[in-house]
């Protein structure tokens, strides 16, 4: 579909209704930035907005998809063309999932580290924690056994620890409560760093905090840490190889690296009419741009073998791969996410060591 043409059509019809972008956005319950993005041809409305848009602008779905007003003679022909376009779009915009959250739309894109850093930093600086929820130790993720049970981090008494993607600071507080002697945190969002700083200060916990993408040189000390860990952080990297190379350099010999992320099989399966169906290829490792509320994120799908092989290529020895489920929590959830969790893993956690 020609999203530039559709965007211009939305703008034209909005003006005919004598609505400002703000008034139109308020009627849809979204931000005026999202409306501006549509009208500039930089994105398409989510399917859930299509009918409300048509109602407000007094147009038909077929006219919206066509990007123009249609006569009776053109209507049938355009309807068939639009149906074929929708089938093609469905192939390019398959469902994906991050942290158990269905994404608004998914478009495959060429990877740009700068664009990804900008989009992802803005997401986490604004709505990220509220939209996805903030997972922090002792939790490794939804319906997954806790760190209190798994004990993957080991004895932290007197340890120097670094968290990749320190988020709201709760995991660093957990490490402090577990006896860690020195805390460091790394995050791409300056606002997240500030929130972490304020939280830890309120808890009388000291930590060194660094704002930087994890795959870039950022001045962290090398051969220094006993433990590097990450809870739902590593998957945001634009370069897994560079990230693991840096983590390896930060660790002392014998130091441990423990990280968890959404299980790659989880994004391949959806529930439709009570049945689990494959809706995405496990082998697809393309980059994609996705809708999260009125923000966007950029991520890459990665197979589990990609994480394991990249760790091995950078000098790590894999000690443990955990793909478990807390069945009691999954059964109590009584929703589609819980039903999926009973059939396939939602989270994986890997423990590796620098030898």
C-alpha atoms as a PDB file:
ATOM      1  CA  UNK A   1       0.000   0.000   0.000  1.00  0.00           C
ATOM      2  CA  UNK A   2       1.113   3.547  -0.729  1.00  0.00           C
ATOM      3  CA  UNK A   3       1.397   4.920   2.819  1.00  0.00           C
ATOM      4  CA  UNK A   4       2.469   8.356   1.552  1.00  0.00           C
ATOM      5  CA  UNK A   5      -0.732   8.601  -0.523  1.00  0.00           C
ATOM      6  CA  UNK A   6      -2.811   7.297   2.376  1.00  0.00           C
ATOM      7  CA  UNK A   7      -1.169   9.802   4.734  1.00  0.00           C
ATOM      8  CA  UNK A   8      -1.973  12.717   2.437  1.00  0.00           C
ATOM      9  CA  UNK A   9      -5.546  11.462   2.119  1.00  0.00           C
ATOM     10  CA  UNK A  10      -5.948  11.306   5.913  1.00  0.00           C
ATOM     11  CA  UNK A  11      -4.635  14.871   6.185  1.00  0.00           C
ATOM     12  CA  UNK A  12      -6.985  16.094   3.438  1.00  0.00           C
ATOM     13  CA  UNK A  13     -10.070  14.461   4.947  1.00  0.00           C
ATOM     14  CA  UNK A  14      -9.139  15.609   8.461  1.00  0.00           C
ATOM     15  CA  UNK A  15      -8.992  19.214   7.222  1.00  0.00           C
ATOM     16  CA  UNK A  16     -12.331  18.785   5.466  1.00  0.00           C
ATOM     17  CA  UNK A  17     -13.778  17.796   8.847  1.00  0.00           C
ATOM     18  CA  UNK A  18     -12.181  20.987  10.281  1.00  0.00           C
ATOM     19  CA  UNK A  19     -10.125  19.011  12.792  1.00  0.00           C
ATOM     20  CA  UNK A  20      -6.627  19.877  13.981  1.00  0.00           C
ATOM     21  CA  UNK A  21      -4.106  17.072  14.374  1.00  0.00           C
ATOM     22  CA  UNK A  22      -4.526  17.383  18.146  1.00  0.00           C
ATOM     23  CA  UNK A  23      -8.348  17.146  17.952  1.00  0.00           C
ATOM     24  CA  UNK A  24      -8.117  14.148  15.615  1.00  0.00           C
ATOM     25  CA  UNK A  25      -5.564  12.480  17.886  1.00  0.00           C
ATOM     26  CA  UNK A  26      -7.686  13.109  20.991  1.00  0.00           C
ATOM     27  CA  UNK A  27     -10.697  11.511  19.279  1.00  0.00           C
ATOM     28  CA  UNK A  28      -8.579   8.393  18.632  1.00  0.00           C
ATOM     29  CA  UNK A  29      -6.888   8.418  22.062  1.00  0.00           C
ATOM     30  CA  UNK A  30      -3.377   8.782  20.627  1.00  0.00           C
ATOM     31  CA  UNK A  31      -0.713  11.498  20.402  1.00  0.00           C
ATOM     32  CA  UNK A  32      -0.670  14.159  17.692  1.00  0.00           C
ATOM     33  CA  UNK A  33       2.869  12.979  16.850  1.00  0.00           C
ATOM     34  CA  UNK A  34       1.387   9.676  15.700  1.00  0.00           C
ATOM     35  CA  UNK A  35      -1.106  11.489  13.473  1.00  0.00           C
ATOM     36  CA  UNK A  36       1.715  13.618  12.059  1.00  0.00           C
ATOM     37  CA  UNK A  37       3.714  10.477  11.333  1.00  0.00           C
ATOM     38  CA  UNK A  38       0.805   8.967   9.371  1.00  0.00           C
ATOM     39  CA  UNK A  39       0.170  12.148   7.418  1.00  0.00           C
ATOM     40  CA  UNK A  40       3.861  12.478   6.497  1.00  0.00           C
ATOM     41  CA  UNK A  41       3.815   8.917   5.129  1.00  0.00           C
ATOM     42  CA  UNK A  42       6.204   7.589   7.782  1.00  0.00           C
ATOM     43  CA  UNK A  43       3.854   4.938   9.121  1.00  0.00           C
ATOM     44  CA  UNK A  44       0.452   3.313   8.815  1.00  0.00           C
ATOM     45  CA  UNK A  45      -2.360   3.252  11.382  1.00  0.00           C
ATOM     46  CA  UNK A  46      -2.739   0.012  13.298  1.00  0.00           C
ATOM     47  CA  UNK A  47      -5.679  -2.155  12.269  1.00  0.00           C
ATOM     48  CA  UNK A  48      -7.510  -1.309  15.498  1.00  0.00           C
ATOM     49  CA  UNK A  49      -7.602   2.367  14.435  1.00  0.00           C
ATOM     50  CA  UNK A  50      -8.873   1.805  10.882  1.00  0.00           C
ATOM     51  CA  UNK A  51     -12.618   1.830  11.572  1.00  0.00           C
ATOM     52  CA  UNK A  52     -12.505   4.728  14.077  1.00  0.00           C
ATOM     53  CA  UNK A  53     -10.530   6.764  11.511  1.00  0.00           C
ATOM     54  CA  UNK A  54     -13.121   6.053   8.829  1.00  0.00           C
ATOM     55  CA  UNK A  55     -15.967   6.969  11.163  1.00  0.00           C
ATOM     56  CA  UNK A  56     -14.370  10.276  12.187  1.00  0.00           C
ATOM     57  CA  UNK A  57     -13.381  11.225   8.624  1.00  0.00           C
ATOM     58  CA  UNK A  58     -16.636   9.960   7.082  1.00  0.00           C
ATOM     59  CA  UNK A  59     -14.912   7.654   4.585  1.00  0.00           C
ATOM     60  CA  UNK A  60     -14.999   3.918   3.877  1.00  0.00           C
ATOM     61  CA  UNK A  61     -12.234   1.417   4.656  1.00  0.00           C
ATOM     62  CA  UNK A  62     -11.790   0.890   0.941  1.00  0.00           C
ATOM     63  CA  UNK A  63     -11.247   4.615   0.429  1.00  0.00           C
ATOM     64  CA  UNK A  64      -8.774   4.721   3.320  1.00  0.00           C
ATOM     65  CA  UNK A  65      -6.752   1.840   1.858  1.00  0.00           C
ATOM     66  CA  UNK A  66      -6.906   3.437  -1.603  1.00  0.00           C
ATOM     67  CA  UNK A  67      -5.907   6.877  -0.370  1.00  0.00           C
ATOM     68  CA  UNK A  68      -8.680   8.594  -2.338  1.00  0.00           C
ATOM     69  CA  UNK A  69     -12.433   9.058  -2.616  1.00  0.00           C
ATOM     70  CA  UNK A  70     -14.003   6.413  -4.892  1.00  0.00           C
ATOM     71  CA  UNK A  71     -16.908   6.466  -7.306  1.00  0.00           C
ATOM     72  CA  UNK A  72     -19.308   3.522  -7.464  1.00  0.00           C
ATOM     73  CA  UNK A  73     -17.625   2.353 -10.681  1.00  0.00           C
ATOM     74  CA  UNK A  74     -14.176   2.256  -9.082  1.00  0.00           C
ATOM     75  CA  UNK A  75     -15.281   0.714  -5.811  1.00  0.00           C
ATOM     76  CA  UNK A  76     -15.336  -3.001  -6.731  1.00  0.00           C
ATOM     77  CA  UNK A  77     -12.075  -2.862  -8.669  1.00  0.00           C
ATOM     78  CA  UNK A  78     -10.297  -1.056  -5.826  1.00  0.00           C
ATOM     79  CA  UNK A  79     -11.743  -3.449  -3.251  1.00  0.00           C
ATOM     80  CA  UNK A  80     -10.116  -6.413  -5.025  1.00  0.00           C
ATOM     81  CA  UNK A  81      -6.791  -4.593  -5.381  1.00  0.00           C
ATOM     82  CA  UNK A  82      -6.816  -3.586  -1.725  1.00  0.00           C
ATOM     83  CA  UNK A  83      -7.593  -7.137  -0.625  1.00  0.00           C
ATOM     84  CA  UNK A  84      -4.499  -8.409  -2.450  1.00  0.00           C
ATOM     85  CA  UNK A  85      -2.411  -5.630  -0.893  1.00  0.00           C
ATOM     86  CA  UNK A  86      -3.664  -6.539   2.574  1.00  0.00           C
ATOM     87  CA  UNK A  87      -2.576 -10.154   2.049  1.00  0.00           C
ATOM     88  CA  UNK A  88       0.902  -8.947   1.076  1.00  0.00           C
ATOM     89  CA  UNK A  89       1.034  -6.585   4.066  1.00  0.00           C
ATOM     90  CA  UNK A  90       0.027  -9.416   6.395  1.00  0.00           C
ATOM     91  CA  UNK A  91       3.115 -11.329   5.301  1.00  0.00           C
ATOM     92  CA  UNK A  92       5.335  -8.352   6.108  1.00  0.00           C
ATOM     93  CA  UNK A  93       3.575  -7.447   9.379  1.00  0.00           C
ATOM     94  CA  UNK A  94       3.339 -10.739  11.252  1.00  0.00           C
ATOM     95  CA  UNK A  95       2.737 -10.694  14.954  1.00  0.00           C
ATOM     96  CA  UNK A  96       5.674 -10.561  17.243  1.00  0.00           C
ATOM     97  CA  UNK A  97       5.989 -10.492  20.997  1.00  0.00           C
ATOM     98  CA  UNK A  98       8.323  -8.783  23.442  1.00  0.00           C
ATOM     99  CA  UNK A  99       8.005  -9.617  27.119  1.00  0.00           C
ATOM    100  CA  UNK A 100       4.583 -11.176  26.543  1.00  0.00           C
ATOM    101  CA  UNK A 101       3.266  -8.014  24.843  1.00  0.00           C
ATOM    102  CA  UNK A 102       1.807  -8.209  21.321  1.00  0.00           C
ATOM    103  CA  UNK A 103       3.323  -5.518  19.148  1.00  0.00           C
ATOM    104  CA  UNK A 104       1.034  -3.087  17.346  1.00  0.00           C
ATOM    105  CA  UNK A 105       2.683  -3.688  13.965  1.00  0.00           C
ATOM    106  CA  UNK A 106       5.888  -5.253  12.723  1.00  0.00           C
ATOM    107  CA  UNK A 107       7.770  -4.096   9.618  1.00  0.00           C
ATOM    108  CA  UNK A 108      11.051  -5.645   8.502  1.00  0.00           C
ATOM    109  CA  UNK A 109      13.740  -2.969   8.022  1.00  0.00           C
ATOM    110  CA  UNK A 110      17.414  -2.580   7.212  1.00  0.00           C
ATOM    111  CA  UNK A 111      19.338  -2.381  10.460  1.00  0.00           C
ATOM    112  CA  UNK A 112      20.692   1.047  11.409  1.00  0.00           C
ATOM    113  CA  UNK A 113      22.451   1.143  14.771  1.00  0.00           C
ATOM    114  CA  UNK A 114      21.956   4.910  15.105  1.00  0.00           C
ATOM    115  CA  UNK A 115      18.212   4.669  14.341  1.00  0.00           C
ATOM    116  CA  UNK A 116      17.812   1.721  16.714  1.00  0.00           C
ATOM    117  CA  UNK A 117      19.643   3.492  19.533  1.00  0.00           C
ATOM    118  CA  UNK A 118      17.558   6.634  19.062  1.00  0.00           C
ATOM    119  CA  UNK A 119      14.202   4.818  18.893  1.00  0.00           C
ATOM    120  CA  UNK A 120      14.927   2.432  21.757  1.00  0.00           C
ATOM    121  CA  UNK A 121      16.389   5.126  24.028  1.00  0.00           C
ATOM    122  CA  UNK A 122      13.306   7.306  23.473  1.00  0.00           C
ATOM    123  CA  UNK A 123      11.015   4.355  24.200  1.00  0.00           C
ATOM    124  CA  UNK A 124      12.735   3.575  27.498  1.00  0.00           C
ATOM    125  CA  UNK A 125      13.012   7.243  28.399  1.00  0.00           C
ATOM    126  CA  UNK A 126       9.248   7.681  28.102  1.00  0.00           C
ATOM    127  CA  UNK A 127       6.740   4.807  28.145  1.00  0.00           C
ATOM    128  CA  UNK A 128       8.961   1.697  28.168  1.00  0.00           C
ATOM    129  CA  UNK A 129       8.648   0.621  31.791  1.00  0.00           C
ATOM    130  CA  UNK A 130       4.912   1.354  31.921  1.00  0.00           C
ATOM    131  CA  UNK A 131       4.156  -0.297  28.559  1.00  0.00           C
ATOM    132  CA  UNK A 132       6.195  -3.500  28.944  1.00  0.00           C
ATOM    133  CA  UNK A 133       6.366  -3.593  32.706  1.00  0.00           C
ATOM    134  CA  UNK A 134       9.687  -3.624  34.542  1.00  0.00           C
ATOM    135  CA  UNK A 135      11.076  -7.111  35.190  1.00  0.00           C
ATOM    136  CA  UNK A 136      13.681  -7.125  37.941  1.00  0.00           C
ATOM    137  CA  UNK A 137      15.443  -9.665  40.126  1.00  0.00           C
ATOM    138  CA  UNK A 138      14.562 -11.948  41.722  1.00  0.00           C
ATOM    139  CA  UNK A 139      12.222 -12.366  38.716  1.00  0.00           C
ATOM    140  CA  UNK A 140      13.721 -13.448  35.379  1.00  0.00           C
ATOM    141  CA  UNK A 141      10.406 -13.078  33.554  1.00  0.00           C
ATOM    142  CA  UNK A 142       6.759 -14.091  33.359  1.00  0.00           C
ATOM    143  CA  UNK A 143       5.957 -17.638  34.492  1.00  0.00           C
ATOM    144  CA  UNK A 144       9.679 -18.352  34.980  1.00  0.00           C
ATOM    145  CA  UNK A 145      11.243 -19.653  38.226  1.00  0.00           C
ATOM    146  CA  UNK A 146      12.779 -16.891  40.327  1.00  0.00           C
ATOM    147  CA  UNK A 147      16.446 -16.316  41.085  1.00  0.00           C
ATOM    148  CA  UNK A 148      15.725 -17.256  44.697  1.00  0.00           C
ATOM    149  CA  UNK A 149      15.007 -20.770  43.418  1.00  0.00           C
ATOM    150  CA  UNK A 150      17.498 -21.028  40.529  1.00  0.00           C
ATOM    151  CA  UNK A 151      20.486 -19.347  42.261  1.00  0.00           C
ATOM    152  CA  UNK A 152      22.183 -18.695  38.915  1.00  0.00           C
ATOM    153  CA  UNK A 153      24.082 -15.630  40.169  1.00  0.00           C
ATOM    154  CA  UNK A 154      25.880 -17.629  42.840  1.00  0.00           C
ATOM    155  CA  UNK A 155      27.232 -16.206  46.090  1.00  0.00           C
ATOM    156  CA  UNK A 156      27.500 -12.423  45.706  1.00  0.00           C
ATOM    157  CA  UNK A 157      29.184 -11.770  49.042  1.00  0.00           C
ATOM    158  CA  UNK A 158      31.901  -9.189  48.415  1.00  0.00           C
ATOM    159  CA  UNK A 159      31.421  -9.374  44.636  1.00  0.00           C
ATOM    160  CA  UNK A 160      31.857  -6.606  42.072  1.00  0.00           C
ATOM    161  CA  UNK A 161      28.829  -6.755  39.773  1.00  0.00           C
ATOM    162  CA  UNK A 162      27.698  -5.004  36.586  1.00  0.00           C
ATOM    163  CA  UNK A 163      24.128  -4.940  35.283  1.00  0.00           C
ATOM    164  CA  UNK A 164      23.544  -4.448  31.538  1.00  0.00           C
ATOM    165  CA  UNK A 165      20.264  -2.561  31.083  1.00  0.00           C
ATOM    166  CA  UNK A 166      19.904  -1.479  34.708  1.00  0.00           C
ATOM    167  CA  UNK A 167      16.413  -0.045  34.136  1.00  0.00           C
ATOM    168  CA  UNK A 168      14.739   1.049  37.365  1.00  0.00           C
ATOM    169  CA  UNK A 169      17.515  -0.119  39.711  1.00  0.00           C
ATOM    170  CA  UNK A 170      15.533  -2.871  41.455  1.00  0.00           C
ATOM    171  CA  UNK A 171      17.906  -5.615  40.286  1.00  0.00           C
ATOM    172  CA  UNK A 172      20.912  -3.666  41.564  1.00  0.00           C
ATOM    173  CA  UNK A 173      19.156  -3.334  44.926  1.00  0.00           C
ATOM    174  CA  UNK A 174      18.656  -7.119  44.899  1.00  0.00           C
ATOM    175  CA  UNK A 175      22.384  -7.603  44.264  1.00  0.00           C
ATOM    176  CA  UNK A 176      23.200  -5.213  47.119  1.00  0.00           C
ATOM    177  CA  UNK A 177      20.853  -7.092  49.456  1.00  0.00           C
ATOM    178  CA  UNK A 178      22.586 -10.320  48.389  1.00  0.00           C
ATOM    179  CA  UNK A 179      25.934  -9.006  49.629  1.00  0.00           C
ATOM    180  CA  UNK A 180      27.531  -7.480  46.520  1.00  0.00           C
ATOM    181  CA  UNK A 181      30.321  -5.097  47.550  1.00  0.00           C
ATOM    182  CA  UNK A 182      30.411  -2.924  44.422  1.00  0.00           C
ATOM    183  CA  UNK A 183      27.559  -2.128  42.009  1.00  0.00           C
ATOM    184  CA  UNK A 184      27.729  -0.801  38.454  1.00  0.00           C
ATOM    185  CA  UNK A 185      24.902  -0.251  35.984  1.00  0.00           C
ATOM    186  CA  UNK A 186      24.765   0.429  32.229  1.00  0.00           C
ATOM    187  CA  UNK A 187      21.728   1.690  30.302  1.00  0.00           C
ATOM    188  CA  UNK A 188      21.040   3.362  26.942  1.00  0.00           C
ATOM    189  CA  UNK A 189      18.493   5.805  28.416  1.00  0.00           C
ATOM    190  CA  UNK A 190      19.644   8.820  30.418  1.00  0.00           C
ATOM    191  CA  UNK A 191      16.166   9.024  31.965  1.00  0.00           C
ATOM    192  CA  UNK A 192      16.417   5.400  33.105  1.00  0.00           C
ATOM    193  CA  UNK A 193      19.823   6.149  34.616  1.00  0.00           C
ATOM    194  CA  UNK A 194      18.309   9.097  36.503  1.00  0.00           C
ATOM    195  CA  UNK A 195      15.436   6.935  37.794  1.00  0.00           C
ATOM    196  CA  UNK A 196      17.911   4.283  38.895  1.00  0.00           C
ATOM    197  CA  UNK A 197      20.045   6.886  40.644  1.00  0.00           C
ATOM    198  CA  UNK A 198      17.057   8.317  42.522  1.00  0.00           C
ATOM    199  CA  UNK A 199      15.748   4.893  43.530  1.00  0.00           C
ATOM    200  CA  UNK A 200      19.105   3.640  44.790  1.00  0.00           C
ATOM    201  CA  UNK A 201      19.675   6.888  46.692  1.00  0.00           C
ATOM    202  CA  UNK A 202      16.318   6.404  48.435  1.00  0.00           C
ATOM    203  CA  UNK A 203      17.473   2.905  49.413  1.00  0.00           C
ATOM    204  CA  UNK A 204      20.887   4.167  50.582  1.00  0.00           C
ATOM    205  CA  UNK A 205      22.622   2.032  47.956  1.00  0.00           C
ATOM    206  CA  UNK A 206      25.680   3.313  46.071  1.00  0.00           C
ATOM    207  CA  UNK A 207      26.308   2.448  42.413  1.00  0.00           C
ATOM    208  CA  UNK A 208      28.370   3.686  39.473  1.00  0.00           C
ATOM    209  CA  UNK A 209      25.991   4.309  36.546  1.00  0.00           C
ATOM    210  CA  UNK A 210      26.991   4.704  32.889  1.00  0.00           C
ATOM    211  CA  UNK A 211      24.749   5.832  30.014  1.00  0.00           C
ATOM    212  CA  UNK A 212      25.748   4.124  26.760  1.00  0.00           C
ATOM    213  CA  UNK A 213      24.631   1.495  24.239  1.00  0.00           C
ATOM    214  CA  UNK A 214      25.974  -1.839  25.463  1.00  0.00           C
ATOM    215  CA  UNK A 215      27.781  -2.606  22.180  1.00  0.00           C
ATOM    216  CA  UNK A 216      29.925   0.547  22.265  1.00  0.00           C
ATOM    217  CA  UNK A 217      33.127   1.429  24.122  1.00  0.00           C
ATOM    218  CA  UNK A 218      31.963   3.234  27.240  1.00  0.00           C
ATOM    219  CA  UNK A 219      34.902   3.359  29.635  1.00  0.00           C
ATOM    220  CA  UNK A 220      33.899   0.487  31.919  1.00  0.00           C
ATOM    221  CA  UNK A 221      36.885  -1.136  33.678  1.00  0.00           C
ATOM    222  CA  UNK A 222      38.258  -4.353  32.184  1.00  0.00           C
ATOM    223  CA  UNK A 223      39.238  -7.554  33.981  1.00  0.00           C
ATOM    224  CA  UNK A 224      37.313  -6.123  36.935  1.00  0.00           C
ATOM    225  CA  UNK A 225      33.928  -7.723  37.605  1.00  0.00           C
ATOM    226  CA  UNK A 226      33.081 -11.020  39.282  1.00  0.00           C
ATOM    227  CA  UNK A 227      29.626 -11.028  37.686  1.00  0.00           C
ATOM    228  CA  UNK A 228      27.886  -9.355  34.748  1.00  0.00           C
ATOM    229  CA  UNK A 229      24.156  -9.967  34.481  1.00  0.00           C
ATOM    230  CA  UNK A 230      21.186  -8.700  32.474  1.00  0.00           C
ATOM    231  CA  UNK A 231      17.432  -9.139  32.905  1.00  0.00           C
ATOM    232  CA  UNK A 232      15.669  -8.544  29.566  1.00  0.00           C
ATOM    233  CA  UNK A 233      18.503  -6.281  28.405  1.00  0.00           C
ATOM    234  CA  UNK A 234      20.787  -8.170  26.027  1.00  0.00           C
ATOM    235  CA  UNK A 235      18.171  -8.608  23.295  1.00  0.00           C
ATOM    236  CA  UNK A 236      18.177  -4.827  22.681  1.00  0.00           C
ATOM    237  CA  UNK A 237      21.743  -4.805  21.345  1.00  0.00           C
ATOM    238  CA  UNK A 238      22.352  -3.935  17.697  1.00  0.00           C
ATOM    239  CA  UNK A 239      25.533  -6.059  17.667  1.00  0.00           C
ATOM    240  CA  UNK A 240      25.531  -9.248  19.731  1.00  0.00           C
ATOM    241  CA  UNK A 241      29.145 -10.090  18.889  1.00  0.00           C
ATOM    242  CA  UNK A 242      30.487  -6.711  20.080  1.00  0.00           C
ATOM    243  CA  UNK A 243      28.334  -6.845  23.204  1.00  0.00           C
ATOM    244  CA  UNK A 244      29.594 -10.278  24.241  1.00  0.00           C
ATOM    245  CA  UNK A 245      33.178  -9.239  23.416  1.00  0.00           C
ATOM    246  CA  UNK A 246      32.838  -6.232  25.741  1.00  0.00           C
ATOM    247  CA  UNK A 247      31.248  -8.292  28.515  1.00  0.00           C
ATOM    248  CA  UNK A 248      34.101 -10.806  28.250  1.00  0.00           C
ATOM    249  CA  UNK A 249      36.627  -7.962  28.650  1.00  0.00           C
ATOM    250  CA  UNK A 250      34.853  -6.582  31.734  1.00  0.00           C
ATOM    251  CA  UNK A 251      34.999  -9.879  33.607  1.00  0.00           C
ATOM    252  CA  UNK A 252      37.821 -11.254  35.692  1.00  0.00           C
ATOM    253  CA  UNK A 253      39.092 -14.678  34.718  1.00  0.00           C
ATOM    254  CA  UNK A 254      36.545 -17.141  36.064  1.00  0.00           C
ATOM    255  CA  UNK A 255      33.848 -14.449  36.216  1.00  0.00           C
ATOM    256  CA  UNK A 256      30.238 -15.309  35.354  1.00  0.00           C
ATOM    257  CA  UNK A 257      27.865 -13.808  32.799  1.00  0.00           C
ATOM    258  CA  UNK A 258      24.142 -14.481  33.347  1.00  0.00           C
ATOM    259  CA  UNK A 259      21.391 -13.063  31.137  1.00  0.00           C
ATOM    260  CA  UNK A 260      17.768 -13.724  30.277  1.00  0.00           C
ATOM    261  CA  UNK A 261      15.592 -12.738  27.321  1.00  0.00           C
ATOM    262  CA  UNK A 262      12.279 -13.578  25.694  1.00  0.00           C
ATOM    263  CA  UNK A 263      12.520 -17.107  24.276  1.00  0.00           C
ATOM    264  CA  UNK A 264      12.802 -17.010  20.443  1.00  0.00           C
ATOM    265  CA  UNK A 265      10.214 -19.765  19.980  1.00  0.00           C
ATOM    266  CA  UNK A 266       7.704 -17.625  21.865  1.00  0.00           C
ATOM    267  CA  UNK A 267       7.461 -15.041  19.065  1.00  0.00           C
ATOM    268  CA  UNK A 268       6.771 -17.769  16.499  1.00  0.00           C
ATOM    269  CA  UNK A 269       3.551 -19.031  18.031  1.00  0.00           C
ATOM    270  CA  UNK A 270       0.232 -17.283  18.566  1.00  0.00           C
ATOM    271  CA  UNK A 271      -3.151 -18.401  19.892  1.00  0.00           C
ATOM    272  CA  UNK A 272      -6.090 -18.227  17.522  1.00  0.00           C
ATOM    273  CA  UNK A 273      -9.493 -19.620  18.449  1.00  0.00           C
ATOM    274  CA  UNK A 274      -7.934 -21.442  21.380  1.00  0.00           C
ATOM    275  CA  UNK A 275      -5.291 -23.176  19.225  1.00  0.00           C
ATOM    276  CA  UNK A 276      -1.539 -22.667  19.116  1.00  0.00           C
ATOM    277  CA  UNK A 277      -0.383 -21.927  15.558  1.00  0.00           C
ATOM    278  CA  UNK A 278       2.955 -20.988  14.038  1.00  0.00           C
ATOM    279  CA  UNK A 279       2.701 -17.394  12.819  1.00  0.00           C
ATOM    280  CA  UNK A 280       6.391 -16.626  12.264  1.00  0.00           C
ATOM    281  CA  UNK A 281       9.511 -18.506  11.200  1.00  0.00           C
ATOM    282  CA  UNK A 282      11.951 -19.463  13.954  1.00  0.00           C
ATOM    283  CA  UNK A 283      14.800 -19.024  11.458  1.00  0.00           C
ATOM    284  CA  UNK A 284      13.883 -15.407  10.636  1.00  0.00           C
ATOM    285  CA  UNK A 285      16.558 -13.164  12.164  1.00  0.00           C
ATOM    286  CA  UNK A 286      15.651  -9.995  10.294  1.00  0.00           C
ATOM    287  CA  UNK A 287      15.539  -6.599  11.948  1.00  0.00           C
ATOM    288  CA  UNK A 288      12.125  -5.073  12.463  1.00  0.00           C
ATOM    289  CA  UNK A 289      10.528  -1.809  13.489  1.00  0.00           C
ATOM    290  CA  UNK A 290       7.498  -2.267  15.724  1.00  0.00           C
ATOM    291  CA  UNK A 291       4.747  -0.203  17.305  1.00  0.00           C
ATOM    292  CA  UNK A 292       4.662   0.133  21.086  1.00  0.00           C
ATOM    293  CA  UNK A 293       1.868   2.477  22.112  1.00  0.00           C
ATOM    294  CA  UNK A 294       2.643   5.755  20.340  1.00  0.00           C
ATOM    295  CA  UNK A 295       6.375   4.930  20.201  1.00  0.00           C
ATOM    296  CA  UNK A 296       8.479   2.628  18.068  1.00  0.00           C
ATOM    297  CA  UNK A 297      11.245   0.165  18.848  1.00  0.00           C
ATOM    298  CA  UNK A 298      13.824  -1.590  16.664  1.00  0.00           C
ATOM    299  CA  UNK A 299      14.851  -5.155  17.447  1.00  0.00           C
ATOM    300  CA  UNK A 300      16.188  -8.279  15.802  1.00  0.00           C
ATOM    301  CA  UNK A 301      14.890 -11.808  16.134  1.00  0.00           C
ATOM    302  CA  UNK A 302      17.695 -14.208  17.091  1.00  0.00           C
ATOM    303  CA  UNK A 303      17.709 -17.973  17.345  1.00  0.00           C
ATOM    304  CA  UNK A 304      18.831 -19.547  20.612  1.00  0.00           C
ATOM    305  CA  UNK A 305      21.815 -21.038  18.785  1.00  0.00           C
ATOM    306  CA  UNK A 306      22.893 -17.521  17.784  1.00  0.00           C
ATOM    307  CA  UNK A 307      23.236 -16.521  21.449  1.00  0.00           C
ATOM    308  CA  UNK A 308      25.083 -19.726  22.346  1.00  0.00           C
ATOM    309  CA  UNK A 309      27.448 -19.702  19.360  1.00  0.00           C
ATOM    310  CA  UNK A 310      28.267 -16.003  19.795  1.00  0.00           C
ATOM    311  CA  UNK A 311      29.121 -16.628  23.448  1.00  0.00           C
ATOM    312  CA  UNK A 312      31.432 -19.486  22.418  1.00  0.00           C
ATOM    313  CA  UNK A 313      33.046 -17.363  19.694  1.00  0.00           C
ATOM    314  CA  UNK A 314      33.928 -14.754  22.328  1.00  0.00           C
ATOM    315  CA  UNK A 315      35.624 -17.118  24.760  1.00  0.00           C
ATOM    316  CA  UNK A 316      32.760 -18.076  27.069  1.00  0.00           C
ATOM    317  CA  UNK A 317      31.994 -21.570  28.318  1.00  0.00           C
ATOM    318  CA  UNK A 318      28.274 -22.284  28.721  1.00  0.00           C
ATOM    319  CA  UNK A 319      27.484 -23.606  32.185  1.00  0.00           C
ATOM    320  CA  UNK A 320      23.706 -23.693  32.075  1.00  0.00           C
ATOM    321  CA  UNK A 321      20.736 -22.994  29.815  1.00  0.00           C
ATOM    322  CA  UNK A 322      17.423 -22.743  31.649  1.00  0.00           C
ATOM    323  CA  UNK A 323      14.065 -23.124  29.855  1.00  0.00           C
ATOM    324  CA  UNK A 324      11.635 -23.772  32.678  1.00  0.00           C
ATOM    325  CA  UNK A 325       8.117 -22.776  33.598  1.00  0.00           C
ATOM    326  CA  UNK A 326       6.362 -21.975  36.835  1.00  0.00           C
ATOM    327  CA  UNK A 327       3.295 -24.085  36.087  1.00  0.00           C
ATOM    328  CA  UNK A 328       1.345 -22.872  39.102  1.00  0.00           C
ATOM    329  CA  UNK A 329       1.618 -19.227  37.987  1.00  0.00           C
ATOM    330  CA  UNK A 330       0.845 -20.071  34.349  1.00  0.00           C
ATOM    331  CA  UNK A 331      -2.276 -22.021  35.293  1.00  0.00           C
ATOM    332  CA  UNK A 332      -3.453 -19.276  37.636  1.00  0.00           C
ATOM    333  CA  UNK A 333      -3.129 -16.617  34.914  1.00  0.00           C
ATOM    334  CA  UNK A 334      -6.081 -17.989  32.919  1.00  0.00           C
ATOM    335  CA  UNK A 335      -5.173 -16.032  29.761  1.00  0.00           C
ATOM    336  CA  UNK A 336      -3.606 -16.731  26.369  1.00  0.00           C
ATOM    337  CA  UNK A 337      -0.116 -15.866  27.585  1.00  0.00           C
ATOM    338  CA  UNK A 338      -0.456 -18.340  30.449  1.00  0.00           C
ATOM    339  CA  UNK A 339      -1.811 -21.032  28.093  1.00  0.00           C
ATOM    340  CA  UNK A 340       1.181 -20.573  25.797  1.00  0.00           C
ATOM    341  CA  UNK A 341       3.549 -20.769  28.768  1.00  0.00           C
ATOM    342  CA  UNK A 342       2.197 -24.226  29.624  1.00  0.00           C
ATOM    343  CA  UNK A 343       3.128 -25.459  26.141  1.00  0.00           C
ATOM    344  CA  UNK A 344       6.401 -23.682  25.310  1.00  0.00           C
ATOM    345  CA  UNK A 345       9.035 -21.571  27.103  1.00  0.00           C
ATOM    346  CA  UNK A 346       8.471 -17.831  27.387  1.00  0.00           C
ATOM    347  CA  UNK A 347      11.941 -16.993  28.723  1.00  0.00           C
ATOM    348  CA  UNK A 348      15.450 -18.437  28.560  1.00  0.00           C
ATOM    349  CA  UNK A 349      18.377 -17.714  30.889  1.00  0.00           C
ATOM    350  CA  UNK A 350      21.983 -18.580  30.074  1.00  0.00           C
ATOM    351  CA  UNK A 351      24.867 -18.756  32.538  1.00  0.00           C
ATOM    352  CA  UNK A 352      28.333 -18.597  30.950  1.00  0.00           C
ATOM    353  CA  UNK A 353      31.822 -18.200  32.370  1.00  0.00           C
ATOM    354  CA  UNK A 354      35.056 -16.550  31.250  1.00  0.00           C
ATOM    355  CA  UNK A 355      37.791 -19.195  31.427  1.00  0.00           C
END
